[in-house]
Amino acid sequence: MAQCKMCNGTGVVFTTSDGDGKNPWKSTHPVPCPNCKGTGKV
C-alpha cells in the first residue's frame, strides 16, 4: 500500500512505483486516498 504523498483535487494520490519519489505526479499508478481532501495533506 502506497502512502498518501500528494493529492490532486479528485481525492486521488499519485505515488511513484520506482522508489525515487521525486515525481509523484508523474506516476501511472494512482491509488485512492480518501484521507486527502484536495489539500495536499493527509
PDB file of N, CA and C in Angstrom:
ATOM      1  N   MET A   1       0.841  -1.209   0.000  1.00  0.00           N
ATOM      2  CA  MET A   1       0.000   0.000   0.000  1.00  0.00           C
ATOM      3  C   MET A   1       0.874   1.257   0.000  1.00  0.00           C
ATOM      4  N   ALA A   2       0.644   2.069  -0.985  1.00  0.00           N
ATOM      5  CA  ALA A   2       1.425   3.298  -1.080  1.00  0.00           C
ATOM      6  C   ALA A   2       0.901   4.328  -0.091  1.00  0.00           C
ATOM      7  N   GLN A   3       1.798   5.103   0.437  1.00  0.00           N
ATOM      8  CA  GLN A   3       1.389   6.165   1.343  1.00  0.00           C
ATOM      9  C   GLN A   3       0.861   7.337   0.549  1.00  0.00           C
ATOM     10  N   CYS A   4       0.046   8.152   1.196  1.00  0.00           N
ATOM     11  CA  CYS A   4      -0.520   9.312   0.526  1.00  0.00           C
ATOM     12  C   CYS A   4       0.485  10.454   0.543  1.00  0.00           C
ATOM     13  N   LYS A   5       1.182  10.633  -0.561  1.00  0.00           N
ATOM     14  CA  LYS A   5       2.215  11.664  -0.613  1.00  0.00           C
ATOM     15  C   LYS A   5       1.665  12.982  -1.131  1.00  0.00           C
ATOM     16  N   MET A   6       1.002  12.917  -2.271  1.00  0.00           N
ATOM     17  CA  MET A   6       0.417  14.136  -2.836  1.00  0.00           C
ATOM     18  C   MET A   6      -0.977  13.818  -3.325  1.00  0.00           C
ATOM     19  N   CYS A   7      -1.849  14.807  -3.267  1.00  0.00           N
ATOM     20  CA  CYS A   7      -3.216  14.603  -3.719  1.00  0.00           C
ATOM     21  C   CYS A   7      -3.583  15.655  -4.737  1.00  0.00           C
ATOM     22  N   ASN A   8      -4.366  15.235  -5.719  1.00  0.00           N
ATOM     23  CA  ASN A   8      -4.935  16.230  -6.620  1.00  0.00           C
ATOM     24  C   ASN A   8      -6.349  16.529  -6.160  1.00  0.00           C
ATOM     25  N   GLY A   9      -7.047  17.354  -6.894  1.00  0.00           N
ATOM     26  CA  GLY A   9      -8.369  17.787  -6.452  1.00  0.00           C
ATOM     27  C   GLY A   9      -9.414  16.689  -6.488  1.00  0.00           C
ATOM     28  N   THR A  10      -9.062  15.508  -7.017  1.00  0.00           N
ATOM     29  CA  THR A  10     -10.044  14.456  -7.153  1.00  0.00           C
ATOM     30  C   THR A  10      -9.990  13.474  -5.996  1.00  0.00           C
ATOM     31  N   GLY A  11      -9.115  13.729  -5.034  1.00  0.00           N
ATOM     32  CA  GLY A  11      -9.005  12.828  -3.899  1.00  0.00           C
ATOM     33  C   GLY A  11      -8.190  11.598  -4.221  1.00  0.00           C
ATOM     34  N   VAL A  12      -7.411  11.673  -5.306  1.00  0.00           N
ATOM     35  CA  VAL A  12      -6.555  10.553  -5.672  1.00  0.00           C
ATOM     36  C   VAL A  12      -5.104  10.974  -5.545  1.00  0.00           C
ATOM     37  N   VAL A  13      -4.311  10.116  -4.953  1.00  0.00           N
ATOM     38  CA  VAL A  13      -2.888  10.434  -4.801  1.00  0.00           C
ATOM     39  C   VAL A  13      -2.071   9.619  -5.786  1.00  0.00           C
ATOM     40  N   PHE A  14      -1.084  10.266  -6.399  1.00  0.00           N
ATOM     41  CA  PHE A  14      -0.217   9.577  -7.333  1.00  0.00           C
ATOM     42  C   PHE A  14       1.150   9.383  -6.698  1.00  0.00           C
ATOM     43  N   THR A  15       1.576   8.123  -6.597  1.00  0.00           N
ATOM     44  CA  THR A  15       2.871   7.862  -5.997  1.00  0.00           C
ATOM     45  C   THR A  15       3.750   7.111  -6.977  1.00  0.00           C
ATOM     46  N   THR A  16       5.054   7.320  -6.871  1.00  0.00           N
ATOM     47  CA  THR A  16       5.965   6.650  -7.779  1.00  0.00           C
ATOM     48  C   THR A  16       6.142   5.205  -7.365  1.00  0.00           C
ATOM     49  N   SER A  17       6.286   4.338  -8.348  1.00  0.00           N
ATOM     50  CA  SER A  17       6.451   2.923  -8.056  1.00  0.00           C
ATOM     51  C   SER A  17       7.907   2.508  -8.243  1.00  0.00           C
ATOM     52  N   ASP A  18       8.741   3.460  -8.704  1.00  0.00           N
ATOM     53  CA  ASP A  18      10.135   3.124  -8.949  1.00  0.00           C
ATOM     54  C   ASP A  18      10.999   3.419  -7.734  1.00  0.00           C
ATOM     55  N   GLY A  19      10.407   4.044  -6.731  1.00  0.00           N
ATOM     56  CA  GLY A  19      11.126   4.235  -5.473  1.00  0.00           C
ATOM     57  C   GLY A  19      11.890   5.540  -5.377  1.00  0.00           C
ATOM     58  N   ASP A  20      11.928   6.332  -6.481  1.00  0.00           N
ATOM     59  CA  ASP A  20      12.671   7.581  -6.383  1.00  0.00           C
ATOM     60  C   ASP A  20      11.857   8.656  -5.666  1.00  0.00           C
ATOM     61  N   GLY A  21      10.553   8.611  -5.863  1.00  0.00           N
ATOM     62  CA  GLY A  21       9.680   9.524  -5.138  1.00  0.00           C
ATOM     63  C   GLY A  21       9.868  10.973  -5.506  1.00  0.00           C
ATOM     64  N   LYS A  22      10.528  11.238  -6.635  1.00  0.00           N
ATOM     65  CA  LYS A  22      10.813  12.624  -6.991  1.00  0.00           C
ATOM     66  C   LYS A  22       9.701  13.246  -7.818  1.00  0.00           C
ATOM     67  N   ASN A  23       8.958  12.412  -8.543  1.00  0.00           N
ATOM     68  CA  ASN A  23       7.892  12.930  -9.395  1.00  0.00           C
ATOM     69  C   ASN A  23       6.591  12.176  -9.158  1.00  0.00           C
ATOM     70  N   PRO A  24       6.002  12.337  -7.971  1.00  0.00           N
ATOM     71  CA  PRO A  24       4.792  11.592  -7.630  1.00  0.00           C
ATOM     72  C   PRO A  24       3.627  11.893  -8.558  1.00  0.00           C
ATOM     73  N   TRP A  25       3.621  13.091  -9.131  1.00  0.00           N
ATOM     74  CA  TRP A  25       2.518  13.447 -10.012  1.00  0.00           C
ATOM     75  C   TRP A  25       2.646  12.783 -11.368  1.00  0.00           C
ATOM     76  N   LYS A  26       3.838  12.277 -11.686  1.00  0.00           N
ATOM     77  CA  LYS A  26       4.077  11.668 -12.990  1.00  0.00           C
ATOM     78  C   LYS A  26       3.771  10.181 -12.982  1.00  0.00           C
ATOM     79  N   SER A  27       3.360   9.663 -11.832  1.00  0.00           N
ATOM     80  CA  SER A  27       3.147   8.228 -11.696  1.00  0.00           C
ATOM     81  C   SER A  27       1.987   7.738 -12.540  1.00  0.00           C
ATOM     82  N   THR A  28       2.084   6.499 -12.983  1.00  0.00           N
ATOM     83  CA  THR A  28       0.990   5.894 -13.738  1.00  0.00           C
ATOM     84  C   THR A  28       0.217   4.931 -12.855  1.00  0.00           C
ATOM     85  N   HIS A  29       0.460   5.006 -11.556  1.00  0.00           N
ATOM     86  CA  HIS A  29      -0.206   4.102 -10.627  1.00  0.00           C
ATOM     87  C   HIS A  29      -0.971   4.889  -9.574  1.00  0.00           C
ATOM     88  N   PRO A  30      -2.127   5.463  -9.945  1.00  0.00           N
ATOM     89  CA  PRO A  30      -2.925   6.215  -8.986  1.00  0.00           C
ATOM     90  C   PRO A  30      -3.610   5.295  -7.977  1.00  0.00           C
ATOM     91  N   VAL A  31      -3.643   5.693  -6.738  1.00  0.00           N
ATOM     92  CA  VAL A  31      -4.334   4.916  -5.719  1.00  0.00           C
ATOM     93  C   VAL A  31      -5.293   5.825  -4.956  1.00  0.00           C
ATOM     94  N   PRO A  32      -6.428   5.296  -4.521  1.00  0.00           N
ATOM     95  CA  PRO A  32      -7.397   6.096  -3.786  1.00  0.00           C
ATOM     96  C   PRO A  32      -6.803   6.612  -2.485  1.00  0.00           C
ATOM     97  N   CYS A  33      -7.128   7.860  -2.157  1.00  0.00           N
ATOM     98  CA  CYS A  33      -6.640   8.420  -0.906  1.00  0.00           C
ATOM     99  C   CYS A  33      -7.748   9.247  -0.273  1.00  0.00           C
ATOM    100  N   PRO A  34      -8.704   8.580   0.374  1.00  0.00           N
ATOM    101  CA  PRO A  34      -9.877   9.260   0.924  1.00  0.00           C
ATOM    102  C   PRO A  34      -9.526  10.244   2.030  1.00  0.00           C
ATOM    103  N   ASN A  35      -8.345  10.095   2.641  1.00  0.00           N
ATOM    104  CA  ASN A  35      -7.948  10.991   3.712  1.00  0.00           C
ATOM    105  C   ASN A  35      -7.465  12.337   3.179  1.00  0.00           C
ATOM    106  N   CYS A  36      -7.256  12.424   1.862  1.00  0.00           N
ATOM    107  CA  CYS A  36      -6.820  13.684   1.277  1.00  0.00           C
ATOM    108  C   CYS A  36      -8.011  14.379   0.658  1.00  0.00           C
ATOM    109  N   LYS A  37      -8.273  15.575   1.100  1.00  0.00           N
ATOM    110  CA  LYS A  37      -9.453  16.308   0.639  1.00  0.00           C
ATOM    111  C   LYS A  37      -9.070  17.402  -0.347  1.00  0.00           C
ATOM    112  N   GLY A  38      -8.023  17.155  -1.160  1.00  0.00           N
ATOM    113  CA  GLY A  38      -7.600  18.163  -2.115  1.00  0.00           C
ATOM    114  C   GLY A  38      -6.745  19.234  -1.475  1.00  0.00           C
ATOM    115  N   THR A  39      -6.303  18.985  -0.247  1.00  0.00           N
ATOM    116  CA  THR A  39      -5.498  19.981   0.448  1.00  0.00           C
ATOM    117  C   THR A  39      -4.020  19.672   0.300  1.00  0.00           C
ATOM    118  N   GLY A  40      -3.695  18.494  -0.234  1.00  0.00           N
ATOM    119  CA  GLY A  40      -2.310  18.105  -0.379  1.00  0.00           C
ATOM    120  C   GLY A  40      -1.736  17.564   0.913  1.00  0.00           C
ATOM    121  N   LYS A  41      -2.605  17.421   1.911  1.00  0.00           N
ATOM    122  CA  LYS A  41      -2.143  16.882   3.194  1.00  0.00           C
ATOM    123  C   LYS A  41      -2.992  15.681   3.577  1.00  0.00           C
ATOM    124  N   VAL A  42      -2.382  14.780   4.358  1.00  0.00           N
ATOM    125  CA  VAL A  42      -3.105  13.586   4.773  1.00  0.00           C
ATOM    126  C   VAL A  42      -4.042  13.931   5.918  1.00  0.00           C
TER     127      VAL A  42
END
